[in-house]
């Protein structure tokens, strides 16, 4: 049987991802200069080859941090540096 709480958490993660992407798009349309590539939590998980929940755990442990908390995005170079430390 499927746990309803897991379904809700899954949907919340999808909404969070969609909101982050829309916020990035809005900022880009305002011609804000992004000197570095930014990643949503889902993209960060792909870069680090881990789950989105593990990305959140890394943030809670202060191993990575949001570049722009209001957008919930990470700097790709920070993620790559974390990936190298783990190897």
Foldseek 3Di string as FASTA:
>chain_A
DDDVVVVVVVVVVVVLQVQLVVVVVVCVVVVDDDPADKAALCVLCVLLVHDSVVSVVCVVVVLFHAPDVVSRIGGSVSSVVVSVVVD
